[in-house]
Amino acid sequence: MTEKKNVLNPKLNNGVAEITPDQLFPVLGKVTLIDVRRPDEFTGELRHIPGSKLVTLGPELVEFLDAQDRDQEIVFICRSGVRSREACLFSQKIGFKSPINLQGGMISWNDYKFPTE
């Protein structure tokens, strides 16, 4: 069995792997993007990254992660990076090997003027 190669090279920040929007943009479509905000935020003024899946932080995220491959590279996204960091810490605790936080969240993504939907 060949080991799957991760496409991102995150930096550790207090025990959590993080990437910046400019590191994520070139690999859109090659990593799983999970937006942990509320539905009204996902469709609100900051919008969301194309290809991201809305899985709200809390019981919905717990249930979703239970059904996922713990070896996959997942980038968690929120408004500013706080809730997505929490999602990373939780996913690490339950055995995920490559959870990654999008530093600065959708605020930072929009500052780069990258596409949203």
PDB file of N, CA and C in Angstrom:
ATOM      1  N   MET A   1       0.848  -1.185   0.000  1.00  0.00           N
ATOM      2  CA  MET A   1       0.000   0.000   0.000  1.00  0.00           C
ATOM      3  C   MET A   1       0.894   1.249   0.000  1.00  0.00           C
ATOM      4  N   THR A   2       0.625   2.168  -0.905  1.00  0.00           N
ATOM      5  CA  THR A   2       1.427   3.391  -0.949  1.00  0.00           C
ATOM      6  C   THR A   2       0.812   4.427  -0.019  1.00  0.00           C
ATOM      7  N   GLU A   3       1.674   5.151   0.657  1.00  0.00           N
ATOM      8  CA  GLU A   3       1.208   6.182   1.576  1.00  0.00           C
ATOM      9  C   GLU A   3       0.844   7.428   0.789  1.00  0.00           C
ATOM     10  N   LYS A   4      -0.298   8.024   1.169  1.00  0.00           N
ATOM     11  CA  LYS A   4      -0.763   9.222   0.489  1.00  0.00           C
ATOM     12  C   LYS A   4       0.101  10.412   0.892  1.00  0.00           C
ATOM     13  N   LYS A   5       0.544  11.168  -0.090  1.00  0.00           N
ATOM     14  CA  LYS A   5       1.383  12.344   0.167  1.00  0.00           C
ATOM     15  C   LYS A   5       0.495  13.558   0.397  1.00  0.00           C
ATOM     16  N   ASN A   6       0.752  14.280   1.467  1.00  0.00           N
ATOM     17  CA  ASN A   6       0.011  15.514   1.725  1.00  0.00           C
ATOM     18  C   ASN A   6       0.478  16.594   0.758  1.00  0.00           C
ATOM     19  N   VAL A   7      -0.440  17.472   0.368  1.00  0.00           N
ATOM     20  CA  VAL A   7      -0.105  18.513  -0.596  1.00  0.00           C
ATOM     21  C   VAL A   7       0.278  19.837   0.075  1.00  0.00           C
ATOM     22  N   LEU A   8      -0.023  19.967   1.360  1.00  0.00           N
ATOM     23  CA  LEU A   8       0.285  21.208   2.067  1.00  0.00           C
ATOM     24  C   LEU A   8       1.497  21.026   2.979  1.00  0.00           C
ATOM     25  N   ASN A   9       2.154  22.139   3.267  1.00  0.00           N
ATOM     26  CA  ASN A   9       3.303  22.125   4.167  1.00  0.00           C
ATOM     27  C   ASN A   9       3.044  23.158   5.275  1.00  0.00           C
ATOM     28  N   PRO A  10       2.171  22.785   6.239  1.00  0.00           N
ATOM     29  CA  PRO A  10       1.798  23.758   7.277  1.00  0.00           C
ATOM     30  C   PRO A  10       2.910  23.990   8.288  1.00  0.00           C
ATOM     31  N   LYS A  11       2.806  25.097   8.982  1.00  0.00           N
ATOM     32  CA  LYS A  11       3.711  25.432  10.080  1.00  0.00           C
ATOM     33  C   LYS A  11       2.973  25.192  11.393  1.00  0.00           C
ATOM     34  N   LEU A  12       3.675  24.646  12.388  1.00  0.00           N
ATOM     35  CA  LEU A  12       3.051  24.416  13.691  1.00  0.00           C
ATOM     36  C   LEU A  12       2.993  25.715  14.487  1.00  0.00           C
ATOM     37  N   ASN A  13       1.823  25.982  15.068  1.00  0.00           N
ATOM     38  CA  ASN A  13       1.619  27.150  15.904  1.00  0.00           C
ATOM     39  C   ASN A  13       0.927  26.668  17.173  1.00  0.00           C
ATOM     40  N   ASN A  14       1.682  26.584  18.279  1.00  0.00           N
ATOM     41  CA  ASN A  14       1.139  26.089  19.552  1.00  0.00           C
ATOM     42  C   ASN A  14       0.430  24.750  19.391  1.00  0.00           C
ATOM     43  N   GLY A  15       1.063  23.827  18.680  1.00  0.00           N
ATOM     44  CA  GLY A  15       0.530  22.480  18.545  1.00  0.00           C
ATOM     45  C   GLY A  15      -0.491  22.270  17.442  1.00  0.00           C
ATOM     46  N   VAL A  16      -0.809  23.328  16.696  1.00  0.00           N
ATOM     47  CA  VAL A  16      -1.784  23.210  15.603  1.00  0.00           C
ATOM     48  C   VAL A  16      -1.107  23.587  14.293  1.00  0.00           C
ATOM     49  N   ALA A  17      -1.279  22.730  13.281  1.00  0.00           N
ATOM     50  CA  ALA A  17      -0.738  23.020  11.952  1.00  0.00           C
ATOM     51  C   ALA A  17      -1.568  24.123  11.314  1.00  0.00           C
ATOM     52  N   GLU A  18      -0.900  25.120  10.742  1.00  0.00           N
ATOM     53  CA  GLU A  18      -1.607  26.240  10.119  1.00  0.00           C
ATOM     54  C   GLU A  18      -1.014  26.572   8.756  1.00  0.00           C
ATOM     55  N   ILE A  19      -1.903  27.045   7.873  1.00  0.00           N
ATOM     56  CA  ILE A  19      -1.480  27.564   6.573  1.00  0.00           C
ATOM     57  C   ILE A  19      -2.131  28.918   6.358  1.00  0.00           C
ATOM     58  N   THR A  20      -1.559  29.676   5.447  1.00  0.00           N
ATOM     59  CA  THR A  20      -2.108  30.976   5.085  1.00  0.00           C
ATOM     60  C   THR A  20      -2.944  30.814   3.812  1.00  0.00           C
ATOM     61  N   PRO A  21      -3.819  31.779   3.529  1.00  0.00           N
ATOM     62  CA  PRO A  21      -4.627  31.685   2.311  1.00  0.00           C
ATOM     63  C   PRO A  21      -3.793  31.509   1.040  1.00  0.00           C
ATOM     64  N   ASP A  22      -2.640  32.179   0.954  1.00  0.00           N
ATOM     65  CA  ASP A  22      -1.835  32.050  -0.268  1.00  0.00           C
ATOM     66  C   ASP A  22      -1.202  30.669  -0.404  1.00  0.00           C
ATOM     67  N   GLN A  23      -1.102  29.914   0.694  1.00  0.00           N
ATOM     68  CA  GLN A  23      -0.634  28.525   0.614  1.00  0.00           C
ATOM     69  C   GLN A  23      -1.780  27.595   0.202  1.00  0.00           C
ATOM     70  N   LEU A  24      -2.991  27.934   0.607  1.00  0.00           N
ATOM     71  CA  LEU A  24      -4.148  27.092   0.300  1.00  0.00           C
ATOM     72  C   LEU A  24      -4.634  27.269  -1.136  1.00  0.00           C
ATOM     73  N   PHE A  25      -4.654  28.492  -1.622  1.00  0.00           N
ATOM     74  CA  PHE A  25      -5.239  28.783  -2.927  1.00  0.00           C
ATOM     75  C   PHE A  25      -4.738  27.871  -4.054  1.00  0.00           C
ATOM     76  N   PRO A  26      -3.420  27.639  -4.198  1.00  0.00           N
ATOM     77  CA  PRO A  26      -2.950  26.798  -5.317  1.00  0.00           C
ATOM     78  C   PRO A  26      -3.373  25.336  -5.241  1.00  0.00           C
ATOM     79  N   VAL A  27      -3.817  24.868  -4.082  1.00  0.00           N
ATOM     80  CA  VAL A  27      -4.176  23.450  -3.958  1.00  0.00           C
ATOM     81  C   VAL A  27      -5.683  23.224  -3.790  1.00  0.00           C
ATOM     82  N   LEU A  28      -6.476  24.259  -4.073  1.00  0.00           N
ATOM     83  CA  LEU A  28      -7.932  24.082  -4.001  1.00  0.00           C
ATOM     84  C   LEU A  28      -8.316  22.902  -4.883  1.00  0.00           C
ATOM     85  N   GLY A  29      -9.200  22.052  -4.388  1.00  0.00           N
ATOM     86  CA  GLY A  29      -9.609  20.866  -5.127  1.00  0.00           C
ATOM     87  C   GLY A  29      -8.772  19.639  -4.815  1.00  0.00           C
ATOM     88  N   LYS A  30      -7.657  19.835  -4.113  1.00  0.00           N
ATOM     89  CA  LYS A  30      -6.782  18.704  -3.775  1.00  0.00           C
ATOM     90  C   LYS A  30      -6.831  18.350  -2.293  1.00  0.00           C
ATOM     91  N   VAL A  31      -7.490  19.178  -1.497  1.00  0.00           N
ATOM     92  CA  VAL A  31      -7.626  18.924  -0.060  1.00  0.00           C
ATOM     93  C   VAL A  31      -9.090  19.099   0.340  1.00  0.00           C
ATOM     94  N   THR A  32      -9.452  18.467   1.439  1.00  0.00           N
ATOM     95  CA  THR A  32     -10.806  18.591   1.973  1.00  0.00           C
ATOM     96  C   THR A  32     -10.896  19.893   2.761  1.00  0.00           C
ATOM     97  N   LEU A  33     -11.898  20.713   2.425  1.00  0.00           N
ATOM     98  CA  LEU A  33     -12.120  21.982   3.115  1.00  0.00           C
ATOM     99  C   LEU A  33     -13.403  21.887   3.927  1.00  0.00           C
ATOM    100  N   ILE A  34     -13.297  22.078   5.233  1.00  0.00           N
ATOM    101  CA  ILE A  34     -14.455  22.029   6.116  1.00  0.00           C
ATOM    102  C   ILE A  34     -14.620  23.391   6.783  1.00  0.00           C
ATOM    103  N   ASP A  35     -15.742  24.026   6.501  1.00  0.00           N
ATOM    104  CA  ASP A  35     -16.067  25.329   7.087  1.00  0.00           C
ATOM    105  C   ASP A  35     -16.930  25.064   8.317  1.00  0.00           C
ATOM    106  N   VAL A  36     -16.457  25.490   9.485  1.00  0.00           N
ATOM    107  CA  VAL A  36     -17.141  25.168  10.740  1.00  0.00           C
ATOM    108  C   VAL A  36     -18.044  26.290  11.252  1.00  0.00           C
ATOM    109  N   ARG A  37     -18.310  27.283  10.403  1.00  0.00           N
ATOM    110  CA  ARG A  37     -19.176  28.388  10.825  1.00  0.00           C
ATOM    111  C   ARG A  37     -20.654  27.980  10.799  1.00  0.00           C
ATOM    112  N   ARG A  38     -21.510  28.894  11.227  1.00  0.00           N
ATOM    113  CA  ARG A  38     -22.957  28.672  11.155  1.00  0.00           C
ATOM    114  C   ARG A  38     -23.425  28.874   9.709  1.00  0.00           C
ATOM    115  N   PRO A  39     -24.565  28.275   9.345  1.00  0.00           N
ATOM    116  CA  PRO A  39     -25.072  28.417   7.974  1.00  0.00           C
ATOM    117  C   PRO A  39     -25.243  29.875   7.517  1.00  0.00           C
ATOM    118  N   ASP A  40     -25.689  30.758   8.429  1.00  0.00           N
ATOM    119  CA  ASP A  40     -25.872  32.161   8.037  1.00  0.00           C
ATOM    120  C   ASP A  40     -24.531  32.838   7.747  1.00  0.00           C
ATOM    121  N   GLU A  41     -23.458  32.382   8.372  1.00  0.00           N
ATOM    122  CA  GLU A  41     -22.130  32.932   8.098  1.00  0.00           C
ATOM    123  C   GLU A  41     -21.587  32.393   6.772  1.00  0.00           C
ATOM    124  N   PHE A  42     -21.844  31.111   6.515  1.00  0.00           N
ATOM    125  CA  PHE A  42     -21.373  30.436   5.300  1.00  0.00           C
ATOM    126  C   PHE A  42     -21.886  31.150   4.049  1.00  0.00           C
ATOM    127  N   THR A  43     -23.123  31.642   4.127  1.00  0.00           N
ATOM    128  CA  THR A  43     -23.724  32.340   2.981  1.00  0.00           C
ATOM    129  C   THR A  43     -23.746  33.851   3.180  1.00  0.00           C
ATOM    130  N   GLY A  44     -23.177  34.335   4.270  1.00  0.00           N
ATOM    131  CA  GLY A  44     -23.205  35.757   4.609  1.00  0.00           C
ATOM    132  C   GLY A  44     -22.181  36.581   3.854  1.00  0.00           C
ATOM    133  N   GLU A  45     -21.861  37.748   4.385  1.00  0.00           N
ATOM    134  CA  GLU A  45     -21.033  38.721   3.666  1.00  0.00           C
ATOM    135  C   GLU A  45     -19.623  38.229   3.337  1.00  0.00           C
ATOM    136  N   LEU A  46     -19.033  37.384   4.179  1.00  0.00           N
ATOM    137  CA  LEU A  46     -17.689  36.860   3.880  1.00  0.00           C
ATOM    138  C   LEU A  46     -17.749  35.691   2.900  1.00  0.00           C
ATOM    139  N   ARG A  47     -18.962  35.122   2.717  1.00  0.00           N
ATOM    140  CA  ARG A  47     -19.188  33.998   1.803  1.00  0.00           C
ATOM    141  C   ARG A  47     -18.339  32.791   2.193  1.00  0.00           C
ATOM    142  N   HIS A  48     -17.986  31.922   1.256  1.00  0.00           N
ATOM    143  CA  HIS A  48     -17.169  30.751   1.582  1.00  0.00           C
ATOM    144  C   HIS A  48     -16.268  30.391   0.410  1.00  0.00           C
ATOM    145  N   ILE A  49     -15.268  29.575   0.698  1.00  0.00           N
ATOM    146  CA  ILE A  49     -14.299  29.148  -0.316  1.00  0.00           C
ATOM    147  C   ILE A  49     -14.959  28.111  -1.221  1.00  0.00           C
ATOM    148  N   PRO A  50     -14.830  28.266  -2.541  1.00  0.00           N
ATOM    149  CA  PRO A  50     -15.403  27.267  -3.455  1.00  0.00           C
ATOM    150  C   PRO A  50     -14.902  25.859  -3.120  1.00  0.00           C
ATOM    151  N   GLY A  51     -15.828  24.920  -3.054  1.00  0.00           N
ATOM    152  CA  GLY A  51     -15.472  23.537  -2.753  1.00  0.00           C
ATOM    153  C   GLY A  51     -15.489  23.194  -1.277  1.00  0.00           C
ATOM    154  N   SER A  52     -15.699  24.197  -0.418  1.00  0.00           N
ATOM    155  CA  SER A  52     -15.730  23.897   1.014  1.00  0.00           C
ATOM    156  C   SER A  52     -17.092  23.325   1.397  1.00  0.00           C
ATOM    157  N   LYS A  53     -17.086  22.501   2.439  1.00  0.00           N
ATOM    158  CA  LYS A  53     -18.309  21.878   2.938  1.00  0.00           C
ATOM    159  C   LYS A  53     -18.620  22.480   4.295  1.00  0.00           C
ATOM    160  N   LEU A  54     -19.880  22.848   4.475  1.00  0.00           N
ATOM    161  CA  LEU A  54     -20.318  23.413   5.749  1.00  0.00           C
ATOM    162  C   LEU A  54     -20.619  22.284   6.737  1.00  0.00           C
ATOM    163  N   VAL A  55     -19.864  22.252   7.835  1.00  0.00           N
ATOM    164  CA  VAL A  55     -20.088  21.297   8.924  1.00  0.00           C
ATOM    165  C   VAL A  55     -19.871  22.087  10.216  1.00  0.00           C
ATOM    166  N   THR A  56     -20.954  22.584  10.787  1.00  0.00           N
ATOM    167  CA  THR A  56     -20.885  23.499  11.926  1.00  0.00           C
ATOM    168  C   THR A  56     -20.197  22.864  13.136  1.00  0.00           C
ATOM    169  N   LEU A  57     -19.331  23.660  13.778  1.00  0.00           N
ATOM    170  CA  LEU A  57     -18.615  23.238  14.987  1.00  0.00           C
ATOM    171  C   LEU A  57     -19.629  22.801  16.036  1.00  0.00           C
ATOM    172  N   GLY A  58     -19.355  21.670  16.678  1.00  0.00           N
ATOM    173  CA  GLY A  58     -20.269  21.130  17.682  1.00  0.00           C
ATOM    174  C   GLY A  58     -20.667  19.715  17.295  1.00  0.00           C
ATOM    175  N   PRO A  59     -21.879  19.296  17.691  1.00  0.00           N
ATOM    176  CA  PRO A  59     -22.320  17.921  17.431  1.00  0.00           C
ATOM    177  C   PRO A  59     -22.282  17.537  15.947  1.00  0.00           C
ATOM    178  N   GLU A  60     -22.602  18.477  15.063  1.00  0.00           N
ATOM    179  CA  GLU A  60     -22.582  18.185  13.627  1.00  0.00           C
ATOM    180  C   GLU A  60     -21.167  17.811  13.163  1.00  0.00           C
ATOM    181  N   LEU A  61     -20.162  18.539  13.649  1.00  0.00           N
ATOM    182  CA  LEU A  61     -18.778  18.244  13.284  1.00  0.00           C
ATOM    183  C   LEU A  61     -18.330  16.904  13.873  1.00  0.00           C
ATOM    184  N   VAL A  62     -18.702  16.629  15.116  1.00  0.00           N
ATOM    185  CA  VAL A  62     -18.347  15.365  15.766  1.00  0.00           C
ATOM    186  C   VAL A  62     -18.874  14.199  14.938  1.00  0.00           C
ATOM    187  N   GLU A  63     -20.143  14.270  14.546  1.00  0.00           N
ATOM    188  CA  GLU A  63     -20.767  13.205  13.758  1.00  0.00           C
ATOM    189  C   GLU A  63     -20.081  13.064  12.393  1.00  0.00           C
ATOM    190  N   PHE A  64     -19.791  14.183  11.753  1.00  0.00           N
ATOM    191  CA  PHE A  64     -19.125  14.158  10.449  1.00  0.00           C
ATOM    192  C   PHE A  64     -17.742  13.505  10.556  1.00  0.00           C
ATOM    193  N   LEU A  65     -16.953  13.932  11.524  1.00  0.00           N
ATOM    194  CA  LEU A  65     -15.588  13.419  11.668  1.00  0.00           C
ATOM    195  C   LEU A  65     -15.563  11.928  11.991  1.00  0.00           C
ATOM    196  N   ASP A  66     -16.556  11.458  12.735  1.00  0.00           N
ATOM    197  CA  ASP A  66     -16.626  10.030  13.063  1.00  0.00           C
ATOM    198  C   ASP A  66     -16.644   9.158  11.810  1.00  0.00           C
ATOM    199  N   ALA A  67     -17.181   9.688  10.716  1.00  0.00           N
ATOM    200  CA  ALA A  67     -17.324   8.910   9.477  1.00  0.00           C
ATOM    201  C   ALA A  67     -16.178   9.145   8.488  1.00  0.00           C
ATOM    202  N   GLN A  68     -15.159   9.901   8.873  1.00  0.00           N
ATOM    203  CA  GLN A  68     -14.091  10.274   7.947  1.00  0.00           C
ATOM    204  C   GLN A  68     -12.821   9.447   8.139  1.00  0.00           C
ATOM    205  N   ASP A  69     -12.016   9.412   7.088  1.00  0.00           N
ATOM    206  CA  ASP A  69     -10.700   8.774   7.100  1.00  0.00           C
ATOM    207  C   ASP A  69      -9.747   9.667   7.892  1.00  0.00           C
ATOM    208  N   ARG A  70      -9.173   9.130   8.938  1.00  0.00           N
ATOM    209  CA  ARG A  70      -8.297   9.924   9.808  1.00  0.00           C
ATOM    210  C   ARG A  70      -6.946  10.267   9.174  1.00  0.00           C
ATOM    211  N   ASP A  71      -6.642   9.665   8.029  1.00  0.00           N
ATOM    212  CA  ASP A  71      -5.381   9.963   7.337  1.00  0.00           C
ATOM    213  C   ASP A  71      -5.496  11.124   6.360  1.00  0.00           C
ATOM    214  N   GLN A  72      -6.717  11.548   6.047  1.00  0.00           N
ATOM    215  CA  GLN A  72      -6.857  12.603   5.035  1.00  0.00           C
ATOM    216  C   GLN A  72      -6.436  13.971   5.578  1.00  0.00           C
ATOM    217  N   GLU A  73      -5.994  14.795   4.650  1.00  0.00           N
ATOM    218  CA  GLU A  73      -5.594  16.167   4.967  1.00  0.00           C
ATOM    219  C   GLU A  73      -6.863  17.037   4.937  1.00  0.00           C
ATOM    220  N   ILE A  74      -7.220  17.596   6.093  1.00  0.00           N
ATOM    221  CA  ILE A  74      -8.419  18.444   6.183  1.00  0.00           C
ATOM    222  C   ILE A  74      -8.003  19.839   6.606  1.00  0.00           C
ATOM    223  N   VAL A  75      -8.496  20.840   5.869  1.00  0.00           N
ATOM    224  CA  VAL A  75      -8.292  22.232   6.252  1.00  0.00           C
ATOM    225  C   VAL A  75      -9.594  22.736   6.850  1.00  0.00           C
ATOM    226  N   PHE A  76      -9.526  23.208   8.089  1.00  0.00           N
ATOM    227  CA  PHE A  76     -10.691  23.763   8.763  1.00  0.00           C
ATOM    228  C   PHE A  76     -10.700  25.278   8.602  1.00  0.00           C
ATOM    229  N   ILE A  77     -11.889  25.820   8.369  1.00  0.00           N
ATOM    230  CA  ILE A  77     -12.065  27.245   8.069  1.00  0.00           C
ATOM    231  C   ILE A  77     -13.169  27.811   8.953  1.00  0.00           C
ATOM    232  N   CYS A  78     -12.979  29.048   9.411  1.00  0.00           N
ATOM    233  CA  CYS A  78     -14.060  29.771  10.090  1.00  0.00           C
ATOM    234  C   CYS A  78     -13.914  31.253   9.740  1.00  0.00           C
ATOM    235  N   ARG A  79     -14.483  32.116  10.532  1.00  0.00           N
ATOM    236  CA  ARG A  79     -14.441  33.551  10.235  1.00  0.00           C
ATOM    237  C   ARG A  79     -13.031  34.114  10.405  1.00  0.00           C
ATOM    238  N   SER A  80     -12.405  33.818  11.571  1.00  0.00           N
ATOM    239  CA  SER A  80     -11.112  34.444  11.871  1.00  0.00           C
ATOM    240  C   SER A  80     -10.005  33.453  12.233  1.00  0.00           C
ATOM    241  N   GLY A  81     -10.327  32.168  12.351  1.00  0.00           N
ATOM    242  CA  GLY A  81      -9.324  31.165  12.687  1.00  0.00           C
ATOM    243  C   GLY A  81      -9.433  30.604  14.090  1.00  0.00           C
ATOM    244  N   VAL A  82     -10.356  31.121  14.908  1.00  0.00           N
ATOM    245  CA  VAL A  82     -10.478  30.649  16.293  1.00  0.00           C
ATOM    246  C   VAL A  82     -11.262  29.337  16.361  1.00  0.00           C
ATOM    247  N   ARG A  83     -12.446  29.306  15.754  1.00  0.00           N
ATOM    248  CA  ARG A  83     -13.252  28.072  15.788  1.00  0.00           C
ATOM    249  C   ARG A  83     -12.601  26.959  14.974  1.00  0.00           C
ATOM    250  N   SER A  84     -11.949  27.319  13.874  1.00  0.00           N
ATOM    251  CA  SER A  84     -11.287  26.288  13.062  1.00  0.00           C
ATOM    252  C   SER A  84     -10.095  25.703  13.828  1.00  0.00           C
ATOM    253  N   ARG A  85      -9.438  26.505  14.631  1.00  0.00           N
ATOM    254  CA  ARG A  85      -8.351  26.003  15.490  1.00  0.00           C
ATOM    255  C   ARG A  85      -8.918  24.996  16.496  1.00  0.00           C
ATOM    256  N   GLU A  86     -10.073  25.334  17.062  1.00  0.00           N
ATOM    257  CA  GLU A  86     -10.753  24.436  17.993  1.00  0.00           C
ATOM    258  C   GLU A  86     -11.100  23.111  17.296  1.00  0.00           C
ATOM    259  N   ALA A  87     -11.556  23.187  16.048  1.00  0.00           N
ATOM    260  CA  ALA A  87     -11.875  21.978  15.268  1.00  0.00           C
ATOM    261  C   ALA A  87     -10.609  21.146  15.044  1.00  0.00           C
ATOM    262  N   CYS A  88      -9.487  21.806  14.783  1.00  0.00           N
ATOM    263  CA  CYS A  88      -8.207  21.093  14.612  1.00  0.00           C
ATOM    264  C   CYS A  88      -7.823  20.355  15.884  1.00  0.00           C
ATOM    265  N   LEU A  89      -7.904  21.037  17.010  1.00  0.00           N
ATOM    266  CA  LEU A  89      -7.533  20.420  18.289  1.00  0.00           C
ATOM    267  C   LEU A  89      -8.421  19.217  18.584  1.00  0.00           C
ATOM    268  N   PHE A  90      -9.719  19.356  18.326  1.00  0.00           N
ATOM    269  CA  PHE A  90     -10.641  18.243  18.554  1.00  0.00           C
ATOM    270  C   PHE A  90     -10.315  17.073  17.627  1.00  0.00           C
ATOM    271  N   SER A  91     -10.106  17.361  16.354  1.00  0.00           N
ATOM    272  CA  SER A  91      -9.836  16.278  15.399  1.00  0.00           C
ATOM    273  C   SER A  91      -8.514  15.576  15.719  1.00  0.00           C
ATOM    274  N   GLN A  92      -7.524  16.321  16.206  1.00  0.00           N
ATOM    275  CA  GLN A  92      -6.260  15.691  16.646  1.00  0.00           C
ATOM    276  C   GLN A  92      -6.536  14.732  17.795  1.00  0.00           C
ATOM    277  N   LYS A  93      -7.375  15.179  18.722  1.00  0.00           N
ATOM    278  CA  LYS A  93      -7.689  14.391  19.912  1.00  0.00           C
ATOM    279  C   LYS A  93      -8.343  13.054  19.545  1.00  0.00           C
ATOM    280  N   ILE A  94      -9.131  13.045  18.452  1.00  0.00           N
ATOM    281  CA  ILE A  94      -9.810  11.795  18.080  1.00  0.00           C
ATOM    282  C   ILE A  94      -9.043  11.020  17.005  1.00  0.00           C
ATOM    283  N   GLY A  95      -7.784  11.420  16.747  1.00  0.00           N
ATOM    284  CA  GLY A  95      -6.926  10.595  15.917  1.00  0.00           C
ATOM    285  C   GLY A  95      -6.643  11.050  14.496  1.00  0.00           C
ATOM    286  N   PHE A  96      -7.066  12.248  14.117  1.00  0.00           N
ATOM    287  CA  PHE A  96      -6.738  12.723  12.771  1.00  0.00           C
ATOM    288  C   PHE A  96      -5.264  13.100  12.711  1.00  0.00           C
ATOM    289  N   LYS A  97      -4.606  12.713  11.624  1.00  0.00           N
ATOM    290  CA  LYS A  97      -3.166  12.929  11.498  1.00  0.00           C
ATOM    291  C   LYS A  97      -2.803  14.282  10.899  1.00  0.00           C
ATOM    292  N   SER A  98      -3.676  14.842  10.046  1.00  0.00           N
ATOM    293  CA  SER A  98      -3.303  16.072   9.329  1.00  0.00           C
ATOM    294  C   SER A  98      -4.387  17.156   9.338  1.00  0.00           C
ATOM    295  N   PRO A  99      -4.929  17.507  10.522  1.00  0.00           N
ATOM    296  CA  PRO A  99      -5.867  18.638  10.519  1.00  0.00           C
ATOM    297  C   PRO A  99      -5.085  19.949  10.428  1.00  0.00           C
ATOM    298  N   ILE A 100      -5.582  20.866   9.616  1.00  0.00           N
ATOM    299  CA  ILE A 100      -4.872  22.130   9.383  1.00  0.00           C
ATOM    300  C   ILE A 100      -5.843  23.289   9.555  1.00  0.00           C
ATOM    301  N   ASN A 101      -5.381  24.318  10.209  1.00  0.00           N
ATOM    302  CA  ASN A 101      -6.173  25.526  10.428  1.00  0.00           C
ATOM    303  C   ASN A 101      -5.837  26.558   9.355  1.00  0.00           C
ATOM    304  N   LEU A 102      -6.877  27.185   8.772  1.00  0.00           N
ATOM    305  CA  LEU A 102      -6.640  28.304   7.865  1.00  0.00           C
ATOM    306  C   LEU A 102      -6.454  29.549   8.718  1.00  0.00           C
ATOM    307  N   GLN A 103      -5.219  30.020   8.780  1.00  0.00           N
ATOM    308  CA  GLN A 103      -4.844  31.185   9.583  1.00  0.00           C
ATOM    309  C   GLN A 103      -5.643  32.413   9.135  1.00  0.00           C
ATOM    310  N   GLY A 104      -6.310  33.043  10.081  1.00  0.00           N
ATOM    311  CA  GLY A 104      -7.061  34.259   9.773  1.00  0.00           C
ATOM    312  C   GLY A 104      -8.420  34.022   9.148  1.00  0.00           C
ATOM    313  N   GLY A 105      -8.743  32.759   8.866  1.00  0.00           N
ATOM    314  CA  GLY A 105     -10.063  32.399   8.360  1.00  0.00           C
ATOM    315  C   GLY A 105     -10.507  33.154   7.112  1.00  0.00           C
ATOM    316  N   MET A 106     -11.826  33.304   6.995  1.00  0.00           N
ATOM    317  CA  MET A 106     -12.405  33.953   5.816  1.00  0.00           C
ATOM    318  C   MET A 106     -12.074  35.444   5.757  1.00  0.00           C
ATOM    319  N   ILE A 107     -11.799  36.043   6.890  1.00  0.00           N
ATOM    320  CA  ILE A 107     -11.401  37.459   6.872  1.00  0.00           C
ATOM    321  C   ILE A 107     -10.109  37.589   6.066  1.00  0.00           C
ATOM    322  N   SER A 108      -9.132  36.746   6.392  1.00  0.00           N
ATOM    323  CA  SER A 108      -7.852  36.777   5.695  1.00  0.00           C
ATOM    324  C   SER A 108      -8.004  36.353   4.228  1.00  0.00           C
ATOM    325  N   TRP A 109      -8.794  35.298   3.969  1.00  0.00           N
ATOM    326  CA  TRP A 109      -9.031  34.828   2.595  1.00  0.00           C
ATOM    327  C   TRP A 109      -9.563  35.978   1.728  1.00  0.00           C
ATOM    328  N   ASN A 110     -10.518  36.725   2.272  1.00  0.00           N
ATOM    329  CA  ASN A 110     -11.081  37.857   1.540  1.00  0.00           C
ATOM    330  C   ASN A 110     -10.084  38.999   1.378  1.00  0.00           C
ATOM    331  N   ASP A 111      -9.198  39.178   2.356  1.00  0.00           N
ATOM    332  CA  ASP A 111      -8.157  40.209   2.230  1.00  0.00           C
ATOM    333  C   ASP A 111      -7.265  39.937   1.019  1.00  0.00           C
ATOM    334  N   TYR A 112      -7.032  38.644   0.723  1.00  0.00           N
ATOM    335  CA  TYR A 112      -6.241  38.263  -0.449  1.00  0.00           C
ATOM    336  C   TYR A 112      -7.039  38.416  -1.752  1.00  0.00           C
ATOM    337  N   LYS A 113      -8.347  38.634  -1.622  1.00  0.00           N
ATOM    338  CA  LYS A 113      -9.243  38.751  -2.784  1.00  0.00           C
ATOM    339  C   LYS A 113      -9.319  37.452  -3.587  1.00  0.00           C
ATOM    340  N   PHE A 114      -9.178  36.311  -2.892  1.00  0.00           N
ATOM    341  CA  PHE A 114      -9.343  35.015  -3.539  1.00  0.00           C
ATOM    342  C   PHE A 114     -10.835  34.761  -3.757  1.00  0.00           C
ATOM    343  N   PRO A 115     -11.188  33.848  -4.680  1.00  0.00           N
ATOM    344  CA  PRO A 115     -12.607  33.648  -5.005  1.00  0.00           C
ATOM    345  C   PRO A 115     -13.427  33.095  -3.839  1.00  0.00           C
ATOM    346  N   THR A 116     -14.677  33.534  -3.812  1.00  0.00           N
ATOM    347  CA  THR A 116     -15.651  33.040  -2.837  1.00  0.00           C
ATOM    348  C   THR A 116     -16.936  32.750  -3.584  1.00  0.00           C
ATOM    349  N   GLU A 117     -17.805  32.007  -2.924  1.00  0.00           N
ATOM    350  CA  GLU A 117     -19.139  31.785  -3.487  1.00  0.00           C
ATOM    351  C   GLU A 117     -20.164  31.805  -2.380  1.00  0.00           C
TER     352      GLU A 117
END
